């Protein structure tokens, strides 16, 4: 069975080698048909303590590492970050 991969935002990096990642998905309400947002938090293993709060990361499902951790950070995604370029006038 393939490992699930999710993309989310780091909301906490206070614990050692662990980050809490908030993953948001959009679902259609079964009766009313309106699109609603559902969020879930996952504890992910961050070996180098490289991730900080507010970053977007990609996490992958793994074998259980501890009671809460069954995910690990595979990469930091740089979505929405652009460099400012000065124009020569």
PDB file of N, CA and C in Angstrom:
ATOM      1  N   UNK A   1       0.838  -1.171   0.000  1.00  0.00           N
ATOM      2  CA  UNK A   1       0.000   0.000   0.000  1.00  0.00           C
ATOM      3  C   UNK A   1       0.893   1.249   0.000  1.00  0.00           C
ATOM      4  N   UNK A   2       0.626   2.214  -0.865  1.00  0.00           N
ATOM      5  CA  UNK A   2       1.484   3.408  -0.930  1.00  0.00           C
ATOM      6  C   UNK A   2       1.311   4.290   0.302  1.00  0.00           C
ATOM      7  N   UNK A   3       2.380   5.028   0.610  1.00  0.00           N
ATOM      8  CA  UNK A   3       2.341   5.935   1.748  1.00  0.00           C
ATOM      9  C   UNK A   3       1.608   7.214   1.360  1.00  0.00           C
ATOM     10  N   UNK A   4       0.786   7.703   2.263  1.00  0.00           N
ATOM     11  CA  UNK A   4       0.073   8.953   1.998  1.00  0.00           C
ATOM     12  C   UNK A   4       1.031  10.132   2.166  1.00  0.00           C
ATOM     13  N   UNK A   5       0.864  11.133   1.326  1.00  0.00           N
ATOM     14  CA  UNK A   5       1.645  12.358   1.398  1.00  0.00           C
ATOM     15  C   UNK A   5       0.674  13.528   1.477  1.00  0.00           C
ATOM     16  N   UNK A   6       0.872  14.399   2.480  1.00  0.00           N
ATOM     17  CA  UNK A   6       0.006  15.548   2.682  1.00  0.00           C
ATOM     18  C   UNK A   6       0.834  16.823   2.724  1.00  0.00           C
ATOM     19  N   UNK A   7       0.207  17.944   2.411  1.00  0.00           N
ATOM     20  CA  UNK A   7       0.861  19.244   2.485  1.00  0.00           C
ATOM     21  C   UNK A   7       0.098  20.094   3.493  1.00  0.00           C
ATOM     22  N   UNK A   8       0.846  20.715   4.415  1.00  0.00           N
ATOM     23  CA  UNK A   8       0.205  21.524   5.433  1.00  0.00           C
ATOM     24  C   UNK A   8       1.125  22.607   5.971  1.00  0.00           C
ATOM     25  N   UNK A   9       0.635  23.327   6.955  1.00  0.00           N
ATOM     26  CA  UNK A   9       1.357  24.438   7.554  1.00  0.00           C
ATOM     27  C   UNK A   9       1.781  24.078   8.966  1.00  0.00           C
ATOM     28  N   UNK A  10       3.019  24.391   9.315  1.00  0.00           N
ATOM     29  CA  UNK A  10       3.532  24.121  10.656  1.00  0.00           C
ATOM     30  C   UNK A  10       2.904  25.129  11.627  1.00  0.00           C
ATOM     31  N   UNK A  11       2.241  24.625  12.673  1.00  0.00           N
ATOM     32  CA  UNK A  11       1.620  25.504  13.659  1.00  0.00           C
ATOM     33  C   UNK A  11       2.378  25.507  14.981  1.00  0.00           C
ATOM     34  N   UNK A  12       3.229  24.503  15.222  1.00  0.00           N
ATOM     35  CA  UNK A  12       4.018  24.463  16.449  1.00  0.00           C
ATOM     36  C   UNK A  12       5.310  23.696  16.194  1.00  0.00           C
ATOM     37  N   UNK A  13       6.416  24.237  16.741  1.00  0.00           N
ATOM     38  CA  UNK A  13       7.701  23.543  16.650  1.00  0.00           C
ATOM     39  C   UNK A  13       8.401  23.554  18.007  1.00  0.00           C
ATOM     40  N   UNK A  14       7.615  23.545  19.080  1.00  0.00           N
ATOM     41  CA  UNK A  14       8.163  23.678  20.428  1.00  0.00           C
ATOM     42  C   UNK A  14       8.831  22.412  20.933  1.00  0.00           C
ATOM     43  N   UNK A  15       8.366  21.243  20.529  1.00  0.00           N
ATOM     44  CA  UNK A  15       8.955  20.004  21.024  1.00  0.00           C
ATOM     45  C   UNK A  15      10.176  19.623  20.200  1.00  0.00           C
ATOM     46  N   UNK A  16      11.053  18.825  20.810  1.00  0.00           N
ATOM     47  CA  UNK A  16      12.297  18.440  20.159  1.00  0.00           C
ATOM     48  C   UNK A  16      12.028  17.402  19.073  1.00  0.00           C
ATOM     49  N   UNK A  17      12.498  17.672  17.865  1.00  0.00           N
ATOM     50  CA  UNK A  17      12.388  16.779  16.703  1.00  0.00           C
ATOM     51  C   UNK A  17      10.951  16.477  16.311  1.00  0.00           C
ATOM     52  N   UNK A  18      10.021  17.359  16.682  1.00  0.00           N
ATOM     53  CA  UNK A  18       8.613  17.173  16.339  1.00  0.00           C
ATOM     54  C   UNK A  18       8.006  18.505  15.930  1.00  0.00           C
ATOM     55  N   UNK A  19       7.183  18.474  14.891  1.00  0.00           N
ATOM     56  CA  UNK A  19       6.400  19.644  14.505  1.00  0.00           C
ATOM     57  C   UNK A  19       4.937  19.236  14.406  1.00  0.00           C
ATOM     58  N   UNK A  20       4.048  20.179  14.659  1.00  0.00           N
ATOM     59  CA  UNK A  20       2.619  19.946  14.500  1.00  0.00           C
ATOM     60  C   UNK A  20       2.202  20.629  13.209  1.00  0.00           C
ATOM     61  N   UNK A  21       1.628  19.841  12.289  1.00  0.00           N
ATOM     62  CA  UNK A  21       1.280  20.331  10.961  1.00  0.00           C
ATOM     63  C   UNK A  21      -0.235  20.337  10.818  1.00  0.00           C
ATOM     64  N   UNK A  22      -0.777  21.490  10.395  1.00  0.00           N
ATOM     65  CA  UNK A  22      -2.219  21.618  10.171  1.00  0.00           C
ATOM     66  C   UNK A  22      -2.495  21.394   8.688  1.00  0.00           C
ATOM     67  N   UNK A  23      -3.296  20.389   8.385  1.00  0.00           N
ATOM     68  CA  UNK A  23      -3.655  20.065   7.009  1.00  0.00           C
ATOM     69  C   UNK A  23      -5.126  20.428   6.809  1.00  0.00           C
ATOM     70  N   UNK A  24      -5.390  21.193   5.759  1.00  0.00           N
ATOM     71  CA  UNK A  24      -6.749  21.657   5.490  1.00  0.00           C
ATOM     72  C   UNK A  24      -7.269  20.994   4.216  1.00  0.00           C
ATOM     73  N   UNK A  25      -8.521  20.562   4.266  1.00  0.00           N
ATOM     74  CA  UNK A  25      -9.149  19.992   3.071  1.00  0.00           C
ATOM     75  C   UNK A  25     -10.531  20.599   2.920  1.00  0.00           C
ATOM     76  N   UNK A  26     -11.046  20.577   1.715  1.00  0.00           N
ATOM     77  CA  UNK A  26     -12.365  21.137   1.453  1.00  0.00           C
ATOM     78  C   UNK A  26     -13.297  20.004   1.051  1.00  0.00           C
ATOM     79  N   UNK A  27     -14.456  19.959   1.691  1.00  0.00           N
ATOM     80  CA  UNK A  27     -15.443  18.921   1.410  1.00  0.00           C
ATOM     81  C   UNK A  27     -16.791  19.569   1.149  1.00  0.00           C
ATOM     82  N   UNK A  28     -17.620  18.865   0.448  1.00  0.00           N
ATOM     83  CA  UNK A  28     -18.963  19.345   0.149  1.00  0.00           C
ATOM     84  C   UNK A  28     -19.913  18.835   1.232  1.00  0.00           C
ATOM     85  N   UNK A  29     -20.739  19.733   1.765  1.00  0.00           N
ATOM     86  CA  UNK A  29     -21.697  19.346   2.796  1.00  0.00           C
ATOM     87  C   UNK A  29     -22.693  18.358   2.194  1.00  0.00           C
ATOM     88  N   UNK A  30     -22.969  17.244   2.884  1.00  0.00           N
ATOM     89  CA  UNK A  30     -23.814  16.207   2.283  1.00  0.00           C
ATOM     90  C   UNK A  30     -25.244  16.648   1.972  1.00  0.00           C
ATOM     91  N   UNK A  31     -25.809  17.568   2.775  1.00  0.00           N
ATOM     92  CA  UNK A  31     -27.186  17.967   2.543  1.00  0.00           C
ATOM     93  C   UNK A  31     -27.300  19.295   1.787  1.00  0.00           C
ATOM     94  N   UNK A  32     -26.519  20.270   2.209  1.00  0.00           N
ATOM     95  CA  UNK A  32     -26.676  21.611   1.659  1.00  0.00           C
ATOM     96  C   UNK A  32     -25.789  21.901   0.454  1.00  0.00           C
ATOM     97  N   UNK A  33     -24.765  21.102   0.246  1.00  0.00           N
ATOM     98  CA  UNK A  33     -23.931  21.259  -0.944  1.00  0.00           C
ATOM     99  C   UNK A  33     -22.877  22.348  -0.851  1.00  0.00           C
ATOM    100  N   UNK A  34     -22.832  23.063   0.265  1.00  0.00           N
ATOM    101  CA  UNK A  34     -21.840  24.122   0.416  1.00  0.00           C
ATOM    102  C   UNK A  34     -20.460  23.515   0.669  1.00  0.00           C
ATOM    103  N   UNK A  35     -19.431  24.147   0.111  1.00  0.00           N
ATOM    104  CA  UNK A  35     -18.061  23.701   0.333  1.00  0.00           C
ATOM    105  C   UNK A  35     -17.597  24.231   1.683  1.00  0.00           C
ATOM    106  N   UNK A  36     -17.163  23.311   2.568  1.00  0.00           N
ATOM    107  CA  UNK A  36     -16.699  23.706   3.890  1.00  0.00           C
ATOM    108  C   UNK A  36     -15.268  23.214   4.105  1.00  0.00           C
ATOM    109  N   UNK A  37     -14.527  23.919   4.986  1.00  0.00           N
ATOM    110  CA  UNK A  37     -13.145  23.559   5.260  1.00  0.00           C
ATOM    111  C   UNK A  37     -13.068  22.669   6.491  1.00  0.00           C
ATOM    112  N   UNK A  38     -12.289  21.621   6.389  1.00  0.00           N
ATOM    113  CA  UNK A  38     -12.035  20.730   7.519  1.00  0.00           C
ATOM    114  C   UNK A  38     -10.528  20.719   7.754  1.00  0.00           C
ATOM    115  N   UNK A  39     -10.109  20.853   9.009  1.00  0.00           N
ATOM    116  CA  UNK A  39      -8.687  20.841   9.328  1.00  0.00           C
ATOM    117  C   UNK A  39      -8.393  19.719  10.298  1.00  0.00           C
ATOM    118  N   UNK A  40      -7.161  19.233  10.224  1.00  0.00           N
ATOM    119  CA  UNK A  40      -6.695  18.206  11.135  1.00  0.00           C
ATOM    120  C   UNK A  40      -5.228  18.454  11.409  1.00  0.00           C
ATOM    121  N   UNK A  41      -4.803  18.190  12.634  1.00  0.00           N
ATOM    122  CA  UNK A  41      -3.404  18.395  13.008  1.00  0.00           C
ATOM    123  C   UNK A  41      -2.701  17.057  13.115  1.00  0.00           C
ATOM    124  N   UNK A  42      -1.490  17.000  12.578  1.00  0.00           N
ATOM    125  CA  UNK A  42      -0.669  15.803  12.614  1.00  0.00           C
ATOM    126  C   UNK A  42       0.665  16.131  13.280  1.00  0.00           C
ATOM    127  N   UNK A  43       1.151  15.225  14.131  1.00  0.00           N
ATOM    128  CA  UNK A  43       2.482  15.351  14.711  1.00  0.00           C
ATOM    129  C   UNK A  43       3.451  14.663  13.753  1.00  0.00           C
ATOM    130  N   UNK A  44       4.474  15.394  13.304  1.00  0.00           N
ATOM    131  CA  UNK A  44       5.406  14.856  12.330  1.00  0.00           C
ATOM    132  C   UNK A  44       6.829  14.921  12.867  1.00  0.00           C
ATOM    133  N   UNK A  45       7.629  13.931  12.498  1.00  0.00           N
ATOM    134  CA  UNK A  45       9.024  13.849  12.933  1.00  0.00           C
ATOM    135  C   UNK A  45       9.884  14.766  12.072  1.00  0.00           C
ATOM    136  N   UNK A  46      10.623  15.642  12.723  1.00  0.00           N
ATOM    137  CA  UNK A  46      11.534  16.582  12.052  1.00  0.00           C
ATOM    138  C   UNK A  46      12.921  16.359  12.649  1.00  0.00           C
ATOM    139  N   UNK A  47      13.712  15.510  12.028  1.00  0.00           N
ATOM    140  CA  UNK A  47      14.989  15.055  12.585  1.00  0.00           C
ATOM    141  C   UNK A  47      15.957  16.193  12.899  1.00  0.00           C
ATOM    142  N   UNK A  48      16.056  17.196  12.023  1.00  0.00           N
ATOM    143  CA  UNK A  48      17.049  18.257  12.184  1.00  0.00           C
ATOM    144  C   UNK A  48      16.500  19.510  12.860  1.00  0.00           C
ATOM    145  N   UNK A  49      15.264  19.483  13.311  1.00  0.00           N
ATOM    146  CA  UNK A  49      14.605  20.683  13.850  1.00  0.00           C
ATOM    147  C   UNK A  49      14.718  21.846  12.877  1.00  0.00           C
ATOM    148  N   UNK A  50      14.545  21.571  11.584  1.00  0.00           N
ATOM    149  CA  UNK A  50      14.738  22.575  10.536  1.00  0.00           C
ATOM    150  C   UNK A  50      13.491  23.418  10.305  1.00  0.00           C
ATOM    151  N   UNK A  51      12.330  22.891  10.574  1.00  0.00           N
ATOM    152  CA  UNK A  51      11.081  23.603  10.273  1.00  0.00           C
ATOM    153  C   UNK A  51      10.725  24.565  11.394  1.00  0.00           C
ATOM    154  N   UNK A  52      10.132  25.689  11.003  1.00  0.00           N
ATOM    155  CA  UNK A  52       9.676  26.666  11.986  1.00  0.00           C
ATOM    156  C   UNK A  52       8.207  26.989  11.723  1.00  0.00           C
ATOM    157  N   UNK A  53       7.590  27.644  12.672  1.00  0.00           N
ATOM    158  CA  UNK A  53       6.169  27.961  12.595  1.00  0.00           C
ATOM    159  C   UNK A  53       5.863  28.826  11.374  1.00  0.00           C
ATOM    160  N   UNK A  54       4.788  28.475  10.665  1.00  0.00           N
ATOM    161  CA  UNK A  54       4.361  29.242   9.506  1.00  0.00           C
ATOM    162  C   UNK A  54       4.832  28.690   8.178  1.00  0.00           C
ATOM    163  N   UNK A  55       5.782  27.770   8.179  1.00  0.00           N
ATOM    164  CA  UNK A  55       6.274  27.197   6.923  1.00  0.00           C
ATOM    165  C   UNK A  55       5.306  26.161   6.383  1.00  0.00           C
ATOM    166  N   UNK A  56       5.329  25.992   5.078  1.00  0.00           N
ATOM    167  CA  UNK A  56       4.546  24.957   4.427  1.00  0.00           C
ATOM    168  C   UNK A  56       5.447  23.753   4.199  1.00  0.00           C
ATOM    169  N   UNK A  57       4.991  22.567   4.626  1.00  0.00           N
ATOM    170  CA  UNK A  57       5.809  21.362   4.536  1.00  0.00           C
ATOM    171  C   UNK A  57       5.011  20.225   3.906  1.00  0.00           C
ATOM    172  N   UNK A  58       5.746  19.249   3.402  1.00  0.00           N
ATOM    173  CA  UNK A  58       5.145  18.023   2.874  1.00  0.00           C
ATOM    174  C   UNK A  58       5.490  16.898   3.852  1.00  0.00           C
ATOM    175  N   UNK A  59       4.475  16.168   4.317  1.00  0.00           N
ATOM    176  CA  UNK A  59       4.700  15.093   5.276  1.00  0.00           C
ATOM    177  C   UNK A  59       4.280  13.751   4.665  1.00  0.00           C
ATOM    178  N   UNK A  60       4.937  12.691   5.146  1.00  0.00           N
ATOM    179  CA  UNK A  60       4.703  11.353   4.613  1.00  0.00           C
ATOM    180  C   UNK A  60       4.392  10.403   5.762  1.00  0.00           C
ATOM    181  N   UNK A  61       3.467   9.506   5.535  1.00  0.00           N
ATOM    182  CA  UNK A  61       3.079   8.529   6.541  1.00  0.00           C
ATOM    183  C   UNK A  61       4.199   7.504   6.735  1.00  0.00           C
ATOM    184  N   UNK A  62       4.467   7.145   8.001  1.00  0.00           N
ATOM    185  CA  UNK A  62       5.513   6.165   8.309  1.00  0.00           C
ATOM    186  C   UNK A  62       5.001   5.194   9.367  1.00  0.00           C
ATOM    187  N   UNK A  63       5.856   4.251   9.720  1.00  0.00           N
ATOM    188  CA  UNK A  63       5.559   3.378  10.845  1.00  0.00           C
ATOM    189  C   UNK A  63       5.568   4.220  12.115  1.00  0.00           C
ATOM    190  N   UNK A  64       4.828   3.843  13.147  1.00  0.00           N
ATOM    191  CA  UNK A  64       4.765   4.660  14.360  1.00  0.00           C
ATOM    192  C   UNK A  64       6.140   4.914  14.972  1.00  0.00           C
ATOM    193  N   UNK A  65       6.418   6.192  15.256  1.00  0.00           N
ATOM    194  CA  UNK A  65       7.680   6.597  15.872  1.00  0.00           C
ATOM    195  C   UNK A  65       7.467   6.754  17.382  1.00  0.00           C
ATOM    196  N   UNK A  66       6.303   7.249  17.779  1.00  0.00           N
ATOM    197  CA  UNK A  66       5.933   7.365  19.189  1.00  0.00           C
ATOM    198  C   UNK A  66       4.417   7.253  19.278  1.00  0.00           C
ATOM    199  N   UNK A  67       3.863   7.593  20.438  1.00  0.00           N
ATOM    200  CA  UNK A  67       2.422   7.467  20.630  1.00  0.00           C
ATOM    201  C   UNK A  67       1.636   8.315  19.637  1.00  0.00           C
ATOM    202  N   UNK A  68       2.093   9.536  19.375  1.00  0.00           N
ATOM    203  CA  UNK A  68       1.369  10.439  18.488  1.00  0.00           C
ATOM    204  C   UNK A  68       1.980  10.562  17.095  1.00  0.00           C
ATOM    205  N   UNK A  69       3.268  10.273  16.950  1.00  0.00           N
ATOM    206  CA  UNK A  69       3.953  10.528  15.679  1.00  0.00           C
ATOM    207  C   UNK A  69       3.920   9.314  14.759  1.00  0.00           C
ATOM    208  N   UNK A  70       3.221   9.462  13.631  1.00  0.00           N
ATOM    209  CA  UNK A  70       3.246   8.444  12.582  1.00  0.00           C
ATOM    210  C   UNK A  70       3.511   9.087  11.229  1.00  0.00           C
ATOM    211  N   UNK A  71       4.015  10.324  11.244  1.00  0.00           N
ATOM    212  CA  UNK A  71       4.325  11.064  10.030  1.00  0.00           C
ATOM    213  C   UNK A  71       5.730  11.614  10.139  1.00  0.00           C
ATOM    214  N   UNK A  72       6.389  11.864   9.002  1.00  0.00           N
ATOM    215  CA  UNK A  72       7.693  12.523   9.019  1.00  0.00           C
ATOM    216  C   UNK A  72       7.729  13.587   7.929  1.00  0.00           C
ATOM    217  N   UNK A  73       8.497  14.629   8.181  1.00  0.00           N
ATOM    218  CA  UNK A  73       8.636  15.727   7.221  1.00  0.00           C
ATOM    219  C   UNK A  73       9.608  15.266   6.135  1.00  0.00           C
ATOM    220  N   UNK A  74       9.170  15.340   4.865  1.00  0.00           N
ATOM    221  CA  UNK A  74      10.065  14.946   3.783  1.00  0.00           C
ATOM    222  C   UNK A  74      10.672  16.144   3.072  1.00  0.00           C
ATOM    223  N   UNK A  75       9.972  17.282   3.066  1.00  0.00           N
ATOM    224  CA  UNK A  75      10.569  18.482   2.489  1.00  0.00           C
ATOM    225  C   UNK A  75       9.799  19.723   2.901  1.00  0.00           C
ATOM    226  N   UNK A  76      10.504  20.846   2.852  1.00  0.00           N
ATOM    227  CA  UNK A  76       9.890  22.143   3.086  1.00  0.00           C
ATOM    228  C   UNK A  76       9.511  22.730   1.743  1.00  0.00           C
ATOM    229  N   UNK A  77       8.246  23.101   1.602  1.00  0.00           N
ATOM    230  CA  UNK A  77       7.736  23.622   0.343  1.00  0.00           C
ATOM    231  C   UNK A  77       7.802  25.146   0.396  1.00  0.00           C
ATOM    232  N   UNK A  78       8.336  25.769  -0.631  1.00  0.00           N
ATOM    233  CA  UNK A  78       8.461  27.223  -0.672  1.00  0.00           C
ATOM    234  C   UNK A  78       7.380  27.795  -1.581  1.00  0.00           C
ATOM    235  N   UNK A  79       6.118  27.678  -1.197  1.00  0.00           N
ATOM    236  CA  UNK A  79       5.008  28.185  -1.988  1.00  0.00           C
ATOM    237  C   UNK A  79       4.699  29.607  -1.544  1.00  0.00           C
ATOM    238  N   UNK A  80       4.550  30.505  -2.510  1.00  0.00           N
ATOM    239  CA  UNK A  80       4.144  31.866  -2.202  1.00  0.00           C
ATOM    240  C   UNK A  80       5.287  32.782  -1.815  1.00  0.00           C
ATOM    241  N   UNK A  81       6.505  32.279  -1.749  1.00  0.00           N
ATOM    242  CA  UNK A  81       7.623  33.145  -1.408  1.00  0.00           C
ATOM    243  C   UNK A  81       8.301  33.586  -2.692  1.00  0.00           C
ATOM    244  N   UNK A  82       8.314  34.883  -2.922  1.00  0.00           N
ATOM    245  CA  UNK A  82       8.953  35.408  -4.119  1.00  0.00           C
ATOM    246  C   UNK A  82       9.980  36.438  -3.715  1.00  0.00           C
ATOM    247  N   UNK A  83      11.004  36.555  -4.510  1.00  0.00           N
ATOM    248  CA  UNK A  83      12.062  37.532  -4.237  1.00  0.00           C
ATOM    249  C   UNK A  83      11.715  38.849  -4.897  1.00  0.00           C
ATOM    250  N   UNK A  84      12.022  39.915  -4.216  1.00  0.00           N
ATOM    251  CA  UNK A  84      11.768  41.245  -4.775  1.00  0.00           C
ATOM    252  C   UNK A  84      12.873  41.576  -5.789  1.00  0.00           C
ATOM    253  N   UNK A  85      12.476  42.043  -6.957  1.00  0.00           N
ATOM    254  CA  UNK A  85      13.412  42.389  -8.019  1.00  0.00           C
ATOM    255  C   UNK A  85      13.262  43.859  -8.327  1.00  0.00           C
ATOM    256  N   UNK A  86      14.374  44.581  -8.299  1.00  0.00           N
ATOM    257  CA  UNK A  86      14.325  46.004  -8.620  1.00  0.00           C
ATOM    258  C   UNK A  86      14.475  46.209 -10.114  1.00  0.00           C
ATOM    259  N   UNK A  87      13.664  47.094 -10.646  1.00  0.00           N
ATOM    260  CA  UNK A  87      13.714  47.382 -12.082  1.00  0.00           C
ATOM    261  C   UNK A  87      14.684  48.537 -12.329  1.00  0.00           C
ATOM    262  N   UNK A  88      15.491  48.423 -13.383  1.00  0.00           N
ATOM    263  CA  UNK A  88      16.407  49.510 -13.781  1.00  0.00           C
ATOM    264  C   UNK A  88      15.648  50.499 -14.633  1.00  0.00           C
ATOM    265  N   UNK A  89      15.526  51.732 -14.145  1.00  0.00           N
ATOM    266  CA  UNK A  89      14.776  52.754 -14.878  1.00  0.00           C
ATOM    267  C   UNK A  89      15.726  53.812 -15.382  1.00  0.00           C
TER     268      UNK A  89
END
